[in-house]
Protein backbone atom coordinates (compact mmCIF):
# COMPACT_ATOMS: atom_id res chain seq x y z
CA MET A 1 -28.50 -18.19 -13.74
CA CYS A 2 -30.40 -15.07 -12.75
CA ARG A 3 -31.93 -12.67 -15.26
CA SER A 4 -33.50 -9.29 -14.73
CA ARG A 5 -34.50 -6.21 -16.70
CA ARG A 6 -35.51 -3.98 -13.81
CA MET A 7 -33.58 -0.70 -13.65
CA ARG A 8 -33.96 2.32 -11.43
CA ARG A 9 -34.10 5.77 -12.97
CA GLY A 10 -30.60 7.13 -13.45
CA ALA A 11 -29.04 3.70 -12.87
CA VAL A 12 -26.02 2.68 -14.91
CA PRO A 13 -26.50 -0.65 -16.74
CA LEU A 14 -24.01 -3.32 -15.62
CA LEU A 15 -23.15 -6.62 -17.24
CA ALA A 16 -22.18 -8.16 -13.89
CA MET A 17 -21.71 -7.03 -10.34
CA GLU A 18 -20.17 -9.13 -7.58
CA ILE A 19 -19.42 -7.88 -4.10
CA ASP A 20 -17.62 -10.45 -2.04
CA TYR A 21 -14.70 -10.77 0.36
CA GLY A 22 -11.52 -12.86 0.18
CA PRO A 23 -9.60 -14.60 -2.58
CA PHE A 24 -11.52 -15.45 -5.73
CA GLU A 25 -11.16 -16.90 -9.18
CA ARG A 26 -13.47 -16.43 -12.18
CA GLU A 27 -13.33 -17.86 -15.67
CA VAL A 28 -14.99 -16.11 -18.59
CA GLN A 29 -15.26 -17.03 -22.25
CA LEU A 30 -13.87 -14.43 -24.64
CA PRO A 31 -15.06 -14.02 -28.24
CA ALA A 32 -11.55 -14.44 -29.68
CA GLU A 33 -8.25 -16.08 -28.84
CA VAL A 34 -5.98 -14.06 -26.56
CA GLU A 35 -2.40 -14.31 -25.39
CA ILE A 36 -3.00 -15.46 -21.80
CA GLU A 37 0.43 -14.22 -20.71
CA GLU A 38 -0.51 -10.70 -21.88
CA VAL A 39 -3.81 -10.42 -19.98
CA HIS A 40 -3.94 -8.59 -16.65
CA GLY A 41 -6.46 -6.97 -14.35
CA GLU A 42 -6.33 -4.11 -11.88
CA GLN A 43 -8.11 -3.33 -8.66
CA HIS A 44 -9.06 0.26 -7.76
CA ASN A 45 -10.95 1.30 -4.64
CA GLY A 46 -11.87 -2.31 -3.93
CA LEU A 47 -13.32 -2.94 -7.40
CA PHE A 48 -11.69 -5.27 -9.89
């Protein structure tokens, strides 16, 4: 785990930022139950 509070002036706060290459898989805990079959994600300009 890595924690930081440093921010540059004018920077936009991010919860997470990953820049990598190739196939990937991530698991995240959600605060409520969801219909897994109804969840989807989209990629635009190389960002997911």
